[in-house]
């Protein structure tokens, strides 16, 4: 009987966690990771959605704020040559390539630039929206399947991004 009660509790916890993730409540957090193989560790803001897709944003050694969108393990691959489009809440969508630098497709990652910190200030409409919005969507072409969409919560994004960029950095749209 005890085993059945424990199994029922475990299934309920799993179902609750799955439901929370599917509703976009996965929170942003601050982590220390390496942005590329062979690079040193950096503080990054990270969010992972219910299917395992993730977004990492970090400040590199040259004060350039960069992001990495990574596909989870569903077997999808980016269609070569087409960068994703992103949108915060109901604001106008933006192609990643237009945010402040090139967009590099390297399956399963897309690397992009959000801006450069200069004299304690970063002008980036997209980063400001990520810090102040409620939800974030990424649309991307996948091989032989048209477009797919990934959704992310922006819950606690402000805290994670301030921790990543530094409290001395002012982000303006």
N, C-alpha and C. Protein backbone atom coordinates (compact mmCIF):
# COMPACT_ATOMS: atom_id res chain seq x y z
N UNK A 1 0.82 -1.19 0.00
CA UNK A 1 0.00 0.00 0.00
C UNK A 1 0.87 1.27 0.00
N UNK A 2 1.95 1.25 0.78
CA UNK A 2 2.87 2.38 0.85
C UNK A 2 3.47 2.67 -0.53
N UNK A 3 3.84 1.61 -1.26
CA UNK A 3 4.40 1.76 -2.60
C UNK A 3 3.41 2.46 -3.53
N UNK A 4 2.15 2.09 -3.47
CA UNK A 4 1.11 2.70 -4.32
C UNK A 4 0.98 4.19 -3.98
N UNK A 5 1.00 4.52 -2.69
CA UNK A 5 0.89 5.92 -2.28
C UNK A 5 2.09 6.73 -2.79
N UNK A 6 3.30 6.19 -2.68
CA UNK A 6 4.50 6.87 -3.15
C UNK A 6 4.47 7.02 -4.67
N UNK A 7 4.05 5.98 -5.38
CA UNK A 7 3.95 6.04 -6.84
C UNK A 7 2.92 7.08 -7.27
N UNK A 8 1.78 7.12 -6.60
CA UNK A 8 0.74 8.10 -6.91
C UNK A 8 1.26 9.52 -6.68
N UNK A 9 1.96 9.73 -5.57
CA UNK A 9 2.53 11.04 -5.27
C UNK A 9 3.57 11.43 -6.32
N UNK A 10 4.43 10.51 -6.71
CA UNK A 10 5.45 10.79 -7.74
C UNK A 10 4.80 11.15 -9.06
N UNK A 11 3.74 10.43 -9.45
CA UNK A 11 3.04 10.74 -10.70
C UNK A 11 2.37 12.11 -10.63
N UNK A 12 1.81 12.45 -9.48
CA UNK A 12 1.17 13.76 -9.32
C UNK A 12 2.19 14.89 -9.42
N UNK A 13 3.35 14.72 -8.79
CA UNK A 13 4.40 15.74 -8.85
C UNK A 13 4.89 15.90 -10.29
N UNK A 14 5.10 14.78 -10.99
CA UNK A 14 5.54 14.82 -12.39
C UNK A 14 4.50 15.52 -13.25
N UNK A 15 3.24 15.20 -13.07
CA UNK A 15 2.17 15.83 -13.84
C UNK A 15 2.10 17.32 -13.56
N UNK A 16 2.26 17.72 -12.29
CA UNK A 16 2.23 19.15 -11.94
C UNK A 16 3.39 19.89 -12.58
N UNK A 17 4.58 19.31 -12.53
CA UNK A 17 5.76 19.95 -13.13
C UNK A 17 5.59 20.07 -14.63
N UNK A 18 5.05 19.02 -15.27
CA UNK A 18 4.82 19.06 -16.71
C UNK A 18 3.80 20.13 -17.05
N UNK A 19 2.72 20.21 -16.29
CA UNK A 19 1.68 21.22 -16.55
C UNK A 19 2.25 22.62 -16.38
N UNK A 20 3.05 22.85 -15.33
CA UNK A 20 3.66 24.17 -15.14
C UNK A 20 4.56 24.53 -16.30
N UNK A 21 5.38 23.60 -16.75
CA UNK A 21 6.29 23.87 -17.86
C UNK A 21 5.51 24.14 -19.14
N UNK A 22 4.43 23.38 -19.38
CA UNK A 22 3.66 23.58 -20.61
C UNK A 22 2.96 24.92 -20.61
N UNK A 23 2.67 25.46 -19.45
CA UNK A 23 2.04 26.77 -19.37
C UNK A 23 3.05 27.90 -19.39
N UNK A 24 4.30 27.59 -19.68
CA UNK A 24 5.31 28.62 -19.82
C UNK A 24 5.79 29.21 -18.51
N UNK A 25 5.77 28.45 -17.43
CA UNK A 25 6.18 29.01 -16.15
C UNK A 25 7.61 28.65 -15.79
N UNK A 26 8.36 28.10 -16.71
CA UNK A 26 9.76 27.83 -16.44
C UNK A 26 10.46 29.17 -16.22
N UNK A 27 11.14 29.29 -15.11
CA UNK A 27 11.75 30.57 -14.75
C UNK A 27 13.17 30.71 -15.27
N UNK A 28 13.55 31.95 -15.54
CA UNK A 28 14.93 32.26 -15.89
C UNK A 28 15.78 32.12 -14.65
N UNK A 29 17.02 31.76 -14.85
CA UNK A 29 17.96 31.64 -13.74
C UNK A 29 19.34 32.07 -14.20
N UNK A 30 20.19 32.33 -13.24
CA UNK A 30 21.57 32.69 -13.52
C UNK A 30 22.43 31.45 -13.31
N UNK A 31 23.24 31.10 -14.32
CA UNK A 31 24.11 29.92 -14.25
C UNK A 31 25.51 30.30 -14.73
N UNK A 32 26.48 29.46 -14.43
CA UNK A 32 27.84 29.66 -14.92
C UNK A 32 28.13 28.52 -15.89
N UNK A 33 28.36 28.87 -17.17
CA UNK A 33 28.62 27.90 -18.23
C UNK A 33 29.61 28.49 -19.22
N UNK A 34 30.08 27.66 -20.10
CA UNK A 34 30.96 28.10 -21.19
C UNK A 34 30.11 28.29 -22.44
N UNK A 35 30.22 29.43 -23.13
CA UNK A 35 29.40 29.67 -24.32
C UNK A 35 29.81 28.83 -25.53
N UNK A 36 31.05 28.39 -25.59
CA UNK A 36 31.56 27.57 -26.69
C UNK A 36 32.58 26.58 -26.13
N UNK A 37 32.76 25.51 -26.84
CA UNK A 37 33.76 24.55 -26.44
C UNK A 37 35.14 25.23 -26.40
N UNK A 38 35.85 25.04 -25.33
CA UNK A 38 37.17 25.63 -25.19
C UNK A 38 37.18 27.02 -24.59
N UNK A 39 36.02 27.66 -24.47
CA UNK A 39 35.94 29.00 -23.88
C UNK A 39 35.80 28.88 -22.36
N UNK A 40 36.21 29.92 -21.67
CA UNK A 40 36.08 29.93 -20.22
C UNK A 40 34.64 30.12 -19.78
N UNK A 41 34.34 29.77 -18.54
CA UNK A 41 32.97 29.91 -18.04
C UNK A 41 32.59 31.37 -17.82
N UNK A 42 31.32 31.67 -18.07
CA UNK A 42 30.75 33.00 -17.88
C UNK A 42 29.41 32.87 -17.18
N UNK A 43 28.99 33.94 -16.51
CA UNK A 43 27.64 33.96 -15.94
C UNK A 43 26.65 34.19 -17.08
N UNK A 44 25.62 33.37 -17.11
CA UNK A 44 24.61 33.46 -18.17
C UNK A 44 23.22 33.46 -17.57
N UNK A 45 22.30 34.13 -18.26
CA UNK A 45 20.87 34.02 -17.94
C UNK A 45 20.35 32.88 -18.80
N UNK A 46 19.62 31.95 -18.20
CA UNK A 46 19.17 30.74 -18.88
C UNK A 46 17.71 30.47 -18.61
N UNK A 47 17.00 30.05 -19.67
CA UNK A 47 15.64 29.53 -19.52
C UNK A 47 15.52 28.33 -20.45
N UNK A 48 14.84 27.30 -19.96
CA UNK A 48 14.58 26.09 -20.73
C UNK A 48 13.08 25.86 -20.75
N UNK A 49 12.51 25.62 -21.93
CA UNK A 49 11.06 25.41 -21.99
C UNK A 49 10.71 23.93 -21.83
N UNK A 50 9.43 23.63 -21.94
CA UNK A 50 8.94 22.28 -21.66
C UNK A 50 9.44 21.20 -22.61
N UNK A 51 9.91 21.57 -23.80
CA UNK A 51 10.41 20.57 -24.75
C UNK A 51 11.93 20.54 -24.79
N UNK A 52 12.56 21.32 -23.92
CA UNK A 52 14.02 21.29 -23.82
C UNK A 52 14.74 22.33 -24.65
N UNK A 53 14.02 23.17 -25.40
CA UNK A 53 14.67 24.28 -26.10
C UNK A 53 15.14 25.28 -25.04
N UNK A 54 16.24 25.98 -25.32
CA UNK A 54 16.77 26.89 -24.31
C UNK A 54 17.28 28.19 -24.94
N UNK A 55 17.35 29.19 -24.09
CA UNK A 55 17.95 30.48 -24.45
C UNK A 55 18.94 30.82 -23.36
N UNK A 56 20.15 31.21 -23.78
CA UNK A 56 21.19 31.67 -22.88
C UNK A 56 21.61 33.05 -23.34
N UNK A 57 21.75 33.97 -22.41
CA UNK A 57 22.23 35.32 -22.73
C UNK A 57 23.39 35.61 -21.80
N UNK A 58 24.47 36.16 -22.37
CA UNK A 58 25.66 36.41 -21.57
C UNK A 58 26.39 37.66 -22.06
N UNK A 59 27.27 38.15 -21.21
CA UNK A 59 28.14 39.28 -21.51
C UNK A 59 29.54 38.72 -21.71
N UNK A 60 30.12 38.92 -22.89
CA UNK A 60 31.45 38.35 -23.14
C UNK A 60 32.55 39.28 -22.62
N UNK A 61 33.79 38.86 -22.80
CA UNK A 61 34.94 39.61 -22.27
C UNK A 61 35.13 40.97 -22.94
N UNK A 62 34.46 41.21 -24.07
CA UNK A 62 34.54 42.50 -24.78
C UNK A 62 33.32 43.36 -24.56
N UNK A 63 32.50 43.03 -23.55
CA UNK A 63 31.26 43.75 -23.22
C UNK A 63 30.22 43.66 -24.33
N UNK A 64 30.27 42.62 -25.12
CA UNK A 64 29.23 42.36 -26.12
C UNK A 64 28.23 41.40 -25.49
N UNK A 65 26.94 41.75 -25.57
CA UNK A 65 25.90 40.90 -25.02
C UNK A 65 25.41 39.98 -26.12
N UNK A 66 25.55 38.69 -25.88
CA UNK A 66 25.25 37.68 -26.89
C UNK A 66 24.20 36.71 -26.37
N UNK A 67 23.56 36.03 -27.33
CA UNK A 67 22.58 35.03 -26.97
C UNK A 67 22.79 33.75 -27.76
N UNK A 68 22.29 32.67 -27.19
CA UNK A 68 22.33 31.37 -27.86
C UNK A 68 20.95 30.73 -27.71
N UNK A 69 20.31 30.43 -28.83
CA UNK A 69 19.06 29.67 -28.84
C UNK A 69 19.43 28.25 -29.24
N UNK A 70 19.06 27.28 -28.42
CA UNK A 70 19.41 25.89 -28.67
C UNK A 70 18.17 25.03 -28.73
N UNK A 71 18.08 24.22 -29.77
CA UNK A 71 16.98 23.27 -29.89
C UNK A 71 17.16 22.13 -28.91
N UNK A 72 16.06 21.64 -28.36
CA UNK A 72 16.09 20.48 -27.48
C UNK A 72 16.31 19.21 -28.29
N UNK A 73 16.02 18.10 -27.71
CA UNK A 73 16.29 16.80 -28.33
C UNK A 73 15.09 16.21 -29.07
N UNK A 74 14.32 17.01 -29.78
CA UNK A 74 13.17 16.48 -30.52
C UNK A 74 13.53 16.01 -31.92
N UNK A 75 14.79 16.17 -32.30
CA UNK A 75 15.23 15.71 -33.61
C UNK A 75 15.13 16.75 -34.72
N UNK A 76 14.77 18.00 -34.39
CA UNK A 76 14.68 19.05 -35.40
C UNK A 76 16.06 19.64 -35.67
N UNK A 77 16.24 20.12 -36.89
CA UNK A 77 17.47 20.82 -37.28
C UNK A 77 17.06 22.10 -38.01
N UNK A 78 17.83 23.16 -37.79
CA UNK A 78 17.56 24.42 -38.47
C UNK A 78 17.78 24.26 -39.97
N UNK A 79 16.94 24.92 -40.74
CA UNK A 79 17.12 24.98 -42.19
C UNK A 79 18.27 25.96 -42.44
N UNK A 80 19.25 25.55 -43.20
CA UNK A 80 20.43 26.37 -43.45
C UNK A 80 20.11 27.73 -44.04
N UNK A 81 20.78 28.76 -43.53
CA UNK A 81 20.69 30.09 -44.10
C UNK A 81 19.57 30.97 -43.59
N UNK A 82 18.63 30.46 -42.82
CA UNK A 82 17.51 31.27 -42.34
C UNK A 82 17.56 31.40 -40.83
N UNK A 83 17.75 32.63 -40.37
CA UNK A 83 17.79 32.87 -38.93
C UNK A 83 16.37 32.97 -38.37
N UNK A 84 16.19 32.58 -37.11
CA UNK A 84 14.87 32.67 -36.48
C UNK A 84 14.38 34.10 -36.34
N UNK A 85 13.08 34.21 -36.12
CA UNK A 85 12.42 35.47 -35.81
C UNK A 85 11.93 35.38 -34.38
N UNK A 86 12.03 36.46 -33.62
CA UNK A 86 11.65 36.47 -32.22
C UNK A 86 10.60 37.54 -31.95
N UNK A 87 9.83 37.31 -30.87
CA UNK A 87 8.78 38.27 -30.52
C UNK A 87 8.53 38.20 -29.01
N UNK A 88 8.46 39.36 -28.38
CA UNK A 88 8.10 39.47 -26.97
C UNK A 88 6.65 39.94 -26.90
N UNK A 89 5.85 39.20 -26.13
CA UNK A 89 4.44 39.52 -25.94
C UNK A 89 3.76 39.74 -27.30
N UNK A 90 3.06 40.85 -27.46
CA UNK A 90 2.38 41.14 -28.73
C UNK A 90 3.07 42.26 -29.50
N UNK A 91 4.33 42.50 -29.16
CA UNK A 91 5.10 43.53 -29.84
C UNK A 91 5.52 43.03 -31.22
N UNK A 92 5.96 43.93 -32.09
CA UNK A 92 6.37 43.49 -33.43
C UNK A 92 7.51 42.47 -33.39
N UNK A 93 7.47 41.47 -34.27
CA UNK A 93 8.54 40.48 -34.32
C UNK A 93 9.82 41.06 -34.93
N UNK A 94 10.97 40.46 -34.59
CA UNK A 94 12.27 40.88 -35.09
C UNK A 94 13.06 39.67 -35.56
N UNK A 95 13.64 39.73 -36.76
CA UNK A 95 14.58 38.68 -37.14
C UNK A 95 15.83 38.79 -36.27
N UNK A 96 16.35 37.68 -35.80
CA UNK A 96 17.55 37.71 -34.95
C UNK A 96 18.71 38.42 -35.62
N UNK A 97 18.80 38.31 -36.93
CA UNK A 97 19.92 38.92 -37.66
C UNK A 97 19.89 40.44 -37.56
N UNK A 98 18.76 41.03 -37.24
CA UNK A 98 18.63 42.49 -37.17
C UNK A 98 18.83 43.07 -35.77
N UNK A 99 19.19 42.25 -34.79
CA UNK A 99 19.22 42.72 -33.42
C UNK A 99 20.50 43.43 -33.00
N UNK A 100 21.55 43.33 -33.75
CA UNK A 100 22.78 44.00 -33.35
C UNK A 100 24.02 43.32 -33.89
N UNK A 101 23.86 42.39 -34.77
CA UNK A 101 25.02 41.70 -35.32
C UNK A 101 24.58 40.47 -36.08
N UNK A 102 25.51 39.68 -36.51
CA UNK A 102 25.18 38.51 -37.32
C UNK A 102 24.49 37.42 -36.51
N UNK A 103 23.83 36.56 -37.23
CA UNK A 103 23.19 35.39 -36.66
C UNK A 103 23.95 34.18 -37.21
N UNK A 104 24.48 33.35 -36.32
CA UNK A 104 25.27 32.19 -36.75
C UNK A 104 24.49 30.91 -36.47
N UNK A 105 24.15 30.19 -37.55
CA UNK A 105 23.48 28.90 -37.40
C UNK A 105 24.52 27.80 -37.32
N UNK A 106 24.45 27.03 -36.27
CA UNK A 106 25.38 25.93 -36.04
C UNK A 106 24.60 24.86 -35.28
N UNK A 107 23.83 24.03 -36.01
CA UNK A 107 22.91 23.08 -35.39
C UNK A 107 23.53 22.37 -34.20
N UNK A 108 22.84 22.31 -33.09
CA UNK A 108 21.48 22.74 -32.80
C UNK A 108 21.39 24.15 -32.20
N UNK A 109 22.40 24.99 -32.46
CA UNK A 109 22.46 26.33 -31.86
C UNK A 109 22.30 27.43 -32.90
N UNK A 110 21.75 28.56 -32.45
CA UNK A 110 21.78 29.81 -33.19
C UNK A 110 22.40 30.83 -32.25
N UNK A 111 23.47 31.45 -32.67
CA UNK A 111 24.15 32.46 -31.86
C UNK A 111 23.83 33.83 -32.44
N UNK A 112 23.59 34.80 -31.57
CA UNK A 112 23.20 36.14 -32.02
C UNK A 112 23.73 37.18 -31.05
N UNK A 113 23.75 38.42 -31.51
CA UNK A 113 24.25 39.54 -30.71
C UNK A 113 23.10 40.46 -30.37
N UNK A 114 23.04 40.91 -29.12
CA UNK A 114 21.99 41.83 -28.69
C UNK A 114 22.49 43.26 -28.54
N UNK A 115 23.78 43.48 -28.46
CA UNK A 115 24.31 44.83 -28.35
C UNK A 115 25.64 44.88 -27.64
N UNK A 116 26.17 46.10 -27.49
CA UNK A 116 27.47 46.32 -26.87
C UNK A 116 27.29 47.29 -25.70
N UNK A 117 27.88 46.94 -24.58
CA UNK A 117 27.84 47.81 -23.41
C UNK A 117 28.92 48.86 -23.57
N UNK A 118 28.54 50.12 -23.47
CA UNK A 118 29.48 51.23 -23.60
C UNK A 118 29.20 52.23 -22.49
N UNK A 119 30.21 52.52 -21.69
CA UNK A 119 30.10 53.47 -20.60
C UNK A 119 28.92 53.14 -19.68
N UNK A 120 28.76 51.85 -19.37
CA UNK A 120 27.72 51.42 -18.45
C UNK A 120 26.32 51.41 -19.01
N UNK A 121 26.20 51.52 -20.32
CA UNK A 121 24.88 51.61 -20.95
C UNK A 121 24.80 50.64 -22.12
N UNK A 122 23.65 50.01 -22.26
CA UNK A 122 23.39 49.10 -23.37
C UNK A 122 22.07 49.48 -24.01
N UNK A 123 22.15 49.91 -25.26
CA UNK A 123 20.92 50.23 -25.98
C UNK A 123 20.52 49.00 -26.79
N UNK A 124 19.44 48.35 -26.35
CA UNK A 124 18.94 47.15 -27.01
C UNK A 124 17.45 47.01 -26.73
N UNK A 125 16.64 47.31 -27.72
CA UNK A 125 15.20 47.20 -27.55
C UNK A 125 14.81 45.77 -27.20
N UNK A 126 15.40 44.78 -27.88
CA UNK A 126 15.04 43.40 -27.61
C UNK A 126 15.39 42.99 -26.19
N UNK A 127 16.58 43.34 -25.71
CA UNK A 127 16.97 42.97 -24.35
C UNK A 127 16.07 43.66 -23.33
N UNK A 128 15.75 44.92 -23.57
CA UNK A 128 14.84 45.65 -22.68
C UNK A 128 13.48 44.95 -22.64
N UNK A 129 12.98 44.51 -23.81
CA UNK A 129 11.71 43.78 -23.86
C UNK A 129 11.80 42.45 -23.11
N UNK A 130 12.92 41.75 -23.26
CA UNK A 130 13.10 40.48 -22.55
C UNK A 130 13.08 40.69 -21.04
N UNK A 131 13.61 41.80 -20.58
CA UNK A 131 13.67 42.09 -19.14
C UNK A 131 12.33 42.53 -18.59
N UNK A 132 11.46 43.07 -19.45
CA UNK A 132 10.22 43.67 -18.97
C UNK A 132 8.95 43.00 -19.49
N UNK A 133 9.09 41.99 -20.33
CA UNK A 133 7.93 41.34 -20.92
C UNK A 133 7.41 40.17 -20.11
N UNK A 134 6.41 39.50 -20.69
CA UNK A 134 5.80 38.35 -20.04
C UNK A 134 6.08 37.03 -20.74
N UNK A 135 6.20 37.08 -22.07
CA UNK A 135 6.42 35.86 -22.84
C UNK A 135 7.27 36.13 -24.06
N UNK A 136 7.93 35.10 -24.54
CA UNK A 136 8.88 35.22 -25.65
C UNK A 136 8.66 34.05 -26.59
N UNK A 137 8.61 34.33 -27.89
CA UNK A 137 8.44 33.29 -28.90
C UNK A 137 9.57 33.35 -29.92
N UNK A 138 9.96 32.19 -30.39
CA UNK A 138 10.97 32.08 -31.42
C UNK A 138 10.39 31.24 -32.54
N UNK A 139 10.39 31.77 -33.77
CA UNK A 139 9.95 31.01 -34.94
C UNK A 139 11.16 30.70 -35.78
N UNK A 140 11.27 29.46 -36.22
CA UNK A 140 12.45 29.06 -36.98
C UNK A 140 12.07 27.99 -38.01
N UNK A 141 12.75 28.05 -39.18
CA UNK A 141 12.50 27.02 -40.20
C UNK A 141 13.28 25.75 -39.85
N UNK A 142 12.62 24.60 -40.03
CA UNK A 142 13.28 23.32 -39.82
C UNK A 142 13.25 22.51 -41.11
N UNK A 143 14.25 21.68 -41.28
CA UNK A 143 14.38 20.90 -42.51
C UNK A 143 13.15 20.05 -42.75
N UNK A 144 12.60 20.17 -43.93
CA UNK A 144 11.48 19.35 -44.42
C UNK A 144 10.19 19.49 -43.62
N UNK A 145 10.05 20.53 -42.78
CA UNK A 145 8.84 20.63 -41.97
C UNK A 145 8.30 22.05 -41.85
N UNK A 146 8.76 22.97 -42.65
CA UNK A 146 8.26 24.34 -42.54
C UNK A 146 8.81 25.04 -41.31
N UNK A 147 7.92 25.79 -40.62
CA UNK A 147 8.33 26.55 -39.45
C UNK A 147 7.83 25.90 -38.16
N UNK A 148 8.59 26.08 -37.10
CA UNK A 148 8.21 25.64 -35.77
C UNK A 148 8.28 26.85 -34.84
N UNK A 149 7.62 26.73 -33.71
CA UNK A 149 7.62 27.81 -32.72
C UNK A 149 8.05 27.26 -31.36
N UNK A 150 8.88 28.02 -30.68
CA UNK A 150 9.25 27.72 -29.30
C UNK A 150 8.76 28.88 -28.43
N UNK A 151 8.18 28.55 -27.31
CA UNK A 151 7.67 29.56 -26.38
C UNK A 151 8.44 29.49 -25.07
N UNK A 152 8.67 30.68 -24.52
CA UNK A 152 9.40 30.78 -23.26
C UNK A 152 8.71 31.80 -22.36
N UNK A 153 8.69 31.52 -21.08
CA UNK A 153 8.25 32.50 -20.10
C UNK A 153 9.38 33.51 -19.90
N UNK A 154 9.03 34.71 -19.51
CA UNK A 154 10.03 35.70 -19.13
C UNK A 154 10.01 35.93 -17.62
N UNK A 155 9.41 34.99 -16.90
CA UNK A 155 9.34 35.08 -15.45
C UNK A 155 10.75 35.05 -14.86
N UNK A 156 11.08 36.04 -14.07
CA UNK A 156 12.39 36.22 -13.40
C UNK A 156 13.52 36.53 -14.39
N UNK A 157 13.16 36.92 -15.62
CA UNK A 157 14.20 37.27 -16.60
C UNK A 157 14.96 38.52 -16.17
N UNK A 158 14.27 39.48 -15.59
CA UNK A 158 14.93 40.71 -15.12
C UNK A 158 16.03 40.35 -14.12
N UNK A 159 15.72 39.53 -13.13
CA UNK A 159 16.71 39.16 -12.11
C UNK A 159 17.90 38.44 -12.73
N UNK A 160 17.63 37.46 -13.59
CA UNK A 160 18.72 36.69 -14.20
C UNK A 160 19.58 37.56 -15.10
N UNK A 161 18.96 38.46 -15.86
CA UNK A 161 19.72 39.31 -16.78
C UNK A 161 20.53 40.37 -16.05
N UNK A 162 19.99 40.94 -14.99
CA UNK A 162 20.76 41.90 -14.18
C UNK A 162 21.95 41.19 -13.55
N UNK A 163 21.75 39.98 -13.06
CA UNK A 163 22.85 39.21 -12.49
C UNK A 163 23.92 38.92 -13.54
N UNK A 164 23.50 38.67 -14.77
CA UNK A 164 24.42 38.36 -15.87
C UNK A 164 25.18 39.58 -16.35
N UNK A 165 24.48 40.69 -16.54
CA UNK A 165 25.08 41.89 -17.11
C UNK A 165 25.84 42.71 -16.07
N UNK A 166 25.38 42.69 -14.84
CA UNK A 166 25.95 43.51 -13.78
C UNK A 166 24.97 44.61 -13.40
N UNK A 167 24.91 44.92 -12.13
CA UNK A 167 23.97 45.93 -11.66
C UNK A 167 24.31 47.33 -12.14
N UNK A 168 25.56 47.52 -12.59
CA UNK A 168 26.00 48.85 -13.05
C UNK A 168 25.58 49.15 -14.49
N UNK A 169 25.03 48.17 -15.20
CA UNK A 169 24.65 48.36 -16.60
C UNK A 169 23.20 48.81 -16.71
N UNK A 170 22.98 49.92 -17.41
CA UNK A 170 21.65 50.42 -17.68
C UNK A 170 21.24 49.93 -19.09
N UNK A 171 20.11 49.21 -19.16
CA UNK A 171 19.59 48.75 -20.44
C UNK A 171 18.46 49.68 -20.86
N UNK A 172 18.57 50.25 -22.05
CA UNK A 172 17.55 51.17 -22.56
C UNK A 172 17.07 50.68 -23.93
N UNK A 173 15.79 50.94 -24.24
CA UNK A 173 15.26 50.50 -25.54
C UNK A 173 15.77 51.34 -26.70
